[in-house]
């Protein structure tokens, strides 16, 4: 399909405007993390790295970062196991209610975060409180895993649909058992999708704030929660910008790697 010169110019301008709306605020956060002016006057009076040093020595920021890493890694591990098993069951087997199961697995990512948070909060109070398990890192991990599973499920499901069933049939004809077929045929074919899904799930968990607000205990602060709590404190504003810049970098890297893995695999290079 060939577009006229006018159409190409209009589409280019609209695309540039859309990208500017998304990325210019992020660039301002990165720039303000080096702004020598505590009040962030514009243009910057100078550039400095002292806010980054202050952030490195902030006990609250370090503890919040460690909590986010723990929650993200744990939620990703749970999502990789449950999402892979669910995707394999739904896309490789036929059983009653298969479409319903698939819909219920995808539903959490479509629900508003505040609805999921309220539902999880009520469920934890009803189920966990009577047995002595309070809100904390465990409830945060469970809450994050509910939507991280969806990311892995979709990634693995898409890859399984692209793997020819004849490969498994050929493996069975050669005498391989189901586990051997999965280990030597299916798993290598979906390995990159598994890795990409894990990276996306970790990125989603690392910067989640809505569900975390309803599932974290009083002493459990992830990095997004710490940023939100310190945002209104004037003396903490420069450090908050540094932590926000770090959050942007940590979130972008897994998404970029996952996108490259997906595009490379789609091009037949993996």
Protein backbone atom coordinates (compact mmCIF):
# COMPACT_ATOMS: atom_id res chain seq x y z
CA UNK A 1 0.00 0.00 0.00
CA UNK A 2 1.54 3.31 -1.11
CA UNK A 3 0.75 6.49 0.81
CA UNK A 4 0.82 9.98 -0.60
CA UNK A 5 3.47 12.43 0.55
CA UNK A 6 0.86 14.37 2.56
CA UNK A 7 -0.34 11.21 4.31
CA UNK A 8 3.23 10.22 5.20
CA UNK A 9 3.92 13.67 6.64
CA UNK A 10 0.70 13.65 8.68
CA UNK A 11 1.36 10.15 10.01
CA UNK A 12 4.94 11.11 10.85
CA UNK A 13 3.81 14.19 12.76
CA UNK A 14 1.13 12.27 14.67
CA UNK A 15 3.65 9.54 15.55
CA UNK A 16 6.21 12.10 16.69
CA UNK A 17 3.59 13.88 18.82
CA UNK A 18 2.51 10.60 20.42
CA UNK A 19 6.09 9.60 21.21
CA UNK A 20 6.81 13.06 22.60
CA UNK A 21 3.82 12.88 24.96
CA UNK A 22 5.09 9.54 26.30
CA UNK A 23 8.85 10.07 26.43
CA UNK A 24 9.45 13.79 27.04
CA UNK A 25 8.18 13.54 30.68
CA UNK A 26 10.48 10.54 31.21
CA UNK A 27 13.42 12.49 29.83
CA UNK A 28 12.58 15.38 32.17
CA UNK A 29 12.69 12.98 35.13
CA UNK A 30 16.13 11.78 34.03
CA UNK A 31 17.34 15.35 33.56
CA UNK A 32 15.98 16.51 36.93
CA UNK A 33 17.88 13.71 38.65
CA UNK A 34 21.04 15.66 37.66
CA UNK A 35 19.59 19.14 38.23
CA UNK A 36 21.72 21.13 40.70
CA UNK A 37 18.68 23.20 41.72
CA UNK A 38 16.68 21.55 44.51
CA UNK A 39 13.50 23.27 43.28
CA UNK A 40 14.09 22.08 39.70
CA UNK A 41 14.06 25.49 38.08
CA UNK A 42 14.05 25.53 34.29
CA UNK A 43 16.43 25.70 32.58
CA UNK A 44 18.71 23.84 35.05
CA UNK A 45 21.23 26.07 36.79
CA UNK A 46 23.76 23.26 36.50
CA UNK A 47 24.27 19.52 36.54
CA UNK A 48 25.36 17.48 39.54
CA UNK A 49 25.59 13.88 40.65
CA UNK A 50 25.06 14.56 44.35
CA UNK A 51 21.42 13.50 44.26
CA UNK A 52 22.51 10.10 42.95
CA UNK A 53 25.00 9.82 45.82
CA UNK A 54 22.27 10.84 48.25
CA UNK A 55 19.95 8.18 46.82
CA UNK A 56 22.66 5.52 47.18
CA UNK A 57 23.00 6.42 50.87
CA UNK A 58 19.24 6.50 51.49
CA UNK A 59 18.32 3.56 53.71
CA UNK A 60 14.65 3.81 52.79
CA UNK A 61 15.35 3.73 49.05
CA UNK A 62 17.74 0.77 49.38
CA UNK A 63 15.27 -1.22 51.46
CA UNK A 64 12.46 -0.43 49.02
CA UNK A 65 14.64 -1.50 46.08
CA UNK A 66 15.48 -4.79 47.80
CA UNK A 67 11.80 -5.41 48.54
CA UNK A 68 10.86 -4.73 44.91
CA UNK A 69 13.56 -7.12 43.69
CA UNK A 70 12.41 -9.86 46.06
CA UNK A 71 8.75 -9.41 45.12
CA UNK A 72 9.51 -9.23 41.39
CA UNK A 73 11.75 -12.29 41.31
CA UNK A 74 9.38 -14.39 43.44
CA UNK A 75 6.30 -13.37 41.46
CA UNK A 76 8.14 -14.05 38.19
CA UNK A 77 9.21 -17.52 39.36
CA UNK A 78 5.62 -18.41 40.30
CA UNK A 79 4.32 -16.99 37.01
CA UNK A 80 6.86 -18.96 34.95
CA UNK A 81 5.80 -22.25 36.50
CA UNK A 82 2.04 -21.72 36.56
CA UNK A 83 1.86 -19.81 33.28
CA UNK A 84 3.88 -22.41 31.38
CA UNK A 85 1.90 -25.35 32.75
CA UNK A 86 -1.41 -23.61 32.05
CA UNK A 87 -0.40 -22.63 28.52
CA UNK A 88 0.80 -26.15 27.75
CA UNK A 89 -2.43 -27.67 29.08
CA UNK A 90 -4.71 -25.26 27.21
CA UNK A 91 -2.88 -25.28 23.87
CA UNK A 92 -1.78 -28.91 23.72
CA UNK A 93 -4.81 -30.75 25.14
CA UNK A 94 -8.54 -30.77 24.54
CA UNK A 95 -10.83 -30.91 27.58
CA UNK A 96 -14.19 -29.63 28.75
CA UNK A 97 -14.09 -25.96 29.72
CA UNK A 98 -10.79 -25.26 27.98
CA UNK A 99 -11.95 -21.89 26.61
CA UNK A 100 -13.34 -20.92 30.00
CA UNK A 101 -10.04 -21.73 31.68
CA UNK A 102 -8.19 -19.68 29.08
CA UNK A 103 -10.54 -16.73 29.64
CA UNK A 104 -10.20 -16.90 33.43
CA UNK A 105 -6.41 -16.96 33.15
CA UNK A 106 -6.33 -13.82 30.99
CA UNK A 107 -9.02 -11.93 32.93
CA UNK A 108 -6.79 -10.53 35.77
CA UNK A 109 -4.75 -8.39 33.36
CA UNK A 110 -7.96 -6.85 31.95
CA UNK A 111 -9.46 -5.93 35.32
CA UNK A 112 -8.73 -2.46 36.74
CA UNK A 113 -5.87 -2.64 39.20
CA UNK A 114 -7.94 -1.14 41.99
CA UNK A 115 -10.59 -3.85 41.56
CA UNK A 116 -7.96 -6.59 41.71
CA UNK A 117 -6.38 -4.92 44.75
CA UNK A 118 -9.66 -4.70 46.66
CA UNK A 119 -10.54 -8.30 45.79
CA UNK A 120 -7.12 -9.58 46.90
CA UNK A 121 -7.27 -7.53 50.09
CA UNK A 122 -10.66 -9.00 50.99
CA UNK A 123 -9.51 -12.53 50.11
CA UNK A 124 -6.36 -12.25 52.24
CA UNK A 125 -8.30 -10.91 55.20
CA UNK A 126 -10.82 -13.73 54.90
CA UNK A 127 -8.41 -16.61 54.27
CA UNK A 128 -5.02 -15.66 55.71
CA UNK A 129 -5.88 -13.64 58.82
CA UNK A 130 -7.63 -16.55 60.59
CA UNK A 131 -4.48 -18.71 60.22
CA UNK A 132 -2.15 -16.00 61.44
CA UNK A 133 -0.65 -14.81 58.13
CA UNK A 134 -0.72 -11.02 57.90
CA UNK A 135 -0.06 -8.61 55.08
CA UNK A 136 3.55 -8.42 54.00
CA UNK A 137 5.96 -9.54 51.31
CA UNK A 138 4.14 -12.85 50.87
CA UNK A 139 0.81 -11.19 50.06
CA UNK A 140 2.57 -8.77 47.68
CA UNK A 141 4.16 -11.69 45.82
CA UNK A 142 0.83 -13.51 45.53
CA UNK A 143 -0.88 -10.34 44.33
CA UNK A 144 1.77 -9.68 41.68
CA UNK A 145 1.77 -13.30 40.55
CA UNK A 146 -1.94 -13.08 39.66
CA UNK A 147 -1.23 -10.76 36.73
CA UNK A 148 2.32 -11.93 35.96
CA UNK A 149 0.90 -15.38 35.15
CA UNK A 150 -1.09 -13.77 32.33
CA UNK A 151 2.08 -12.41 30.68
CA UNK A 152 3.80 -15.79 30.70
CA UNK A 153 0.63 -17.60 29.66
CA UNK A 154 0.17 -15.35 26.62
CA UNK A 155 3.83 -15.57 25.59
CA UNK A 156 4.05 -19.33 25.87
CA UNK A 157 0.63 -19.81 24.29
CA UNK A 158 1.63 -17.73 21.27
CA UNK A 159 4.82 -19.74 20.87
CA UNK A 160 3.06 -23.10 21.22
CA UNK A 161 0.63 -22.12 18.47
CA UNK A 162 3.62 -21.58 16.17
CA UNK A 163 5.23 -24.95 16.94
CA UNK A 164 4.07 -27.52 14.40
CA UNK A 165 2.27 -30.47 16.08
CA UNK A 166 4.07 -32.73 13.60
CA UNK A 167 7.29 -32.25 15.60
CA UNK A 168 5.75 -33.88 18.67
CA UNK A 169 4.20 -36.59 16.50
CA UNK A 170 7.57 -37.32 14.90
CA UNK A 171 9.17 -37.51 18.34
CA UNK A 172 6.51 -39.99 19.47
CA UNK A 173 7.01 -42.07 16.30
CA UNK A 174 10.69 -42.31 17.19
CA UNK A 175 9.81 -43.80 20.56
CA UNK A 176 10.12 -40.72 22.79
CA UNK A 177 7.88 -40.49 25.81
CA UNK A 178 5.83 -37.37 26.60
CA UNK A 179 8.45 -36.00 29.01
CA UNK A 180 11.25 -36.63 26.54
CA UNK A 181 9.31 -34.88 23.78
CA UNK A 182 8.75 -31.89 26.05
CA UNK A 183 12.39 -31.82 27.14
CA UNK A 184 14.08 -32.24 23.76
CA UNK A 185 11.51 -30.79 21.32
CA UNK A 186 8.95 -28.49 22.92
CA UNK A 187 11.03 -26.79 25.61
CA UNK A 188 13.92 -25.75 23.32
CA UNK A 189 11.40 -24.28 20.87
CA UNK A 190 9.69 -22.16 23.53
CA UNK A 191 12.78 -21.30 25.60
CA UNK A 192 13.17 -17.77 24.26
CA UNK A 193 9.45 -17.08 24.76
CA UNK A 194 9.78 -18.31 28.34
CA UNK A 195 12.71 -15.97 28.95
CA UNK A 196 10.93 -13.03 27.31
CA UNK A 197 7.77 -13.70 29.33
CA UNK A 198 9.80 -13.81 32.53
CA UNK A 199 11.44 -10.47 31.74
CA UNK A 200 8.10 -8.81 30.98
CA UNK A 201 6.54 -10.27 34.13
CA UNK A 202 9.42 -8.97 36.25
CA UNK A 203 9.16 -5.50 34.70
CA UNK A 204 5.41 -5.45 35.33
CA UNK A 205 5.86 -6.54 38.94
CA UNK A 206 8.76 -4.19 39.63
CA UNK A 207 6.81 -1.00 38.93
CA UNK A 208 3.36 -2.11 40.15
CA UNK A 209 1.79 0.21 42.72
CA UNK A 210 -2.02 -0.16 42.70
CA UNK A 211 -2.24 -3.84 43.67
CA UNK A 212 0.74 -3.41 45.99
CA UNK A 213 -1.07 -0.67 47.91
CA UNK A 214 -3.85 -3.11 48.83
CA UNK A 215 -1.67 -6.16 49.52
CA UNK A 216 1.38 -4.75 51.33
CA UNK A 217 1.59 -4.53 55.10
CA UNK A 218 2.47 -1.37 57.06
CA UNK A 219 6.19 -2.17 57.00
CA UNK A 220 6.38 -3.43 53.41
CA UNK A 221 7.43 -0.74 50.94
CA UNK A 222 8.31 -1.45 47.35
CA UNK A 223 10.13 1.16 45.29
CA UNK A 224 6.95 2.62 43.69
CA UNK A 225 5.32 2.87 47.13
CA UNK A 226 8.41 4.61 48.52
CA UNK A 227 8.36 7.11 45.63
CA UNK A 228 4.66 7.85 46.17
CA UNK A 229 5.10 8.38 49.92
CA UNK A 230 8.09 10.74 49.50
CA UNK A 231 6.82 12.65 46.47
CA UNK A 232 5.23 15.43 48.54
CA UNK A 233 8.26 15.94 50.78
CA UNK A 234 10.24 18.96 49.47
CA UNK A 235 13.61 17.81 50.81
CA UNK A 236 13.18 14.37 49.28
CA UNK A 237 12.18 15.59 45.81
CA UNK A 238 15.67 15.33 44.22
CA UNK A 239 16.20 11.83 45.61
CA UNK A 240 12.73 10.81 44.43
CA UNK A 241 13.68 11.89 40.91
CA UNK A 242 16.82 9.76 41.07
CA UNK A 243 14.85 6.73 42.26
CA UNK A 244 12.22 7.36 39.56
CA UNK A 245 14.99 7.54 36.95
CA UNK A 246 16.40 4.26 38.24
CA UNK A 247 12.91 2.73 38.08
CA UNK A 248 12.60 3.82 34.45
CA UNK A 249 15.94 2.26 33.53
CA UNK A 250 15.24 -0.99 35.37
CA UNK A 251 11.79 -1.26 33.75
CA UNK A 252 12.92 -0.42 30.21
CA UNK A 253 15.80 -2.90 30.06
CA UNK A 254 13.74 -6.12 30.51
CA UNK A 255 11.10 -4.86 28.07
CA UNK A 256 13.77 -4.06 25.45
CA UNK A 257 15.45 -7.46 25.82
CA UNK A 258 12.09 -9.25 25.65
CA UNK A 259 11.14 -7.30 22.52
CA UNK A 260 14.44 -8.18 20.85
CA UNK A 261 14.01 -11.84 21.74
CA UNK A 262 10.50 -11.89 20.32
CA UNK A 263 11.50 -10.10 17.09
CA UNK A 264 14.60 -12.26 16.60
CA UNK A 265 12.56 -15.42 17.06
CA UNK A 266 9.87 -14.16 14.70
CA UNK A 267 12.59 -13.58 12.10
CA UNK A 268 13.83 -17.13 12.49
CA UNK A 269 17.19 -16.23 14.06
CA UNK A 270 16.62 -18.16 17.27
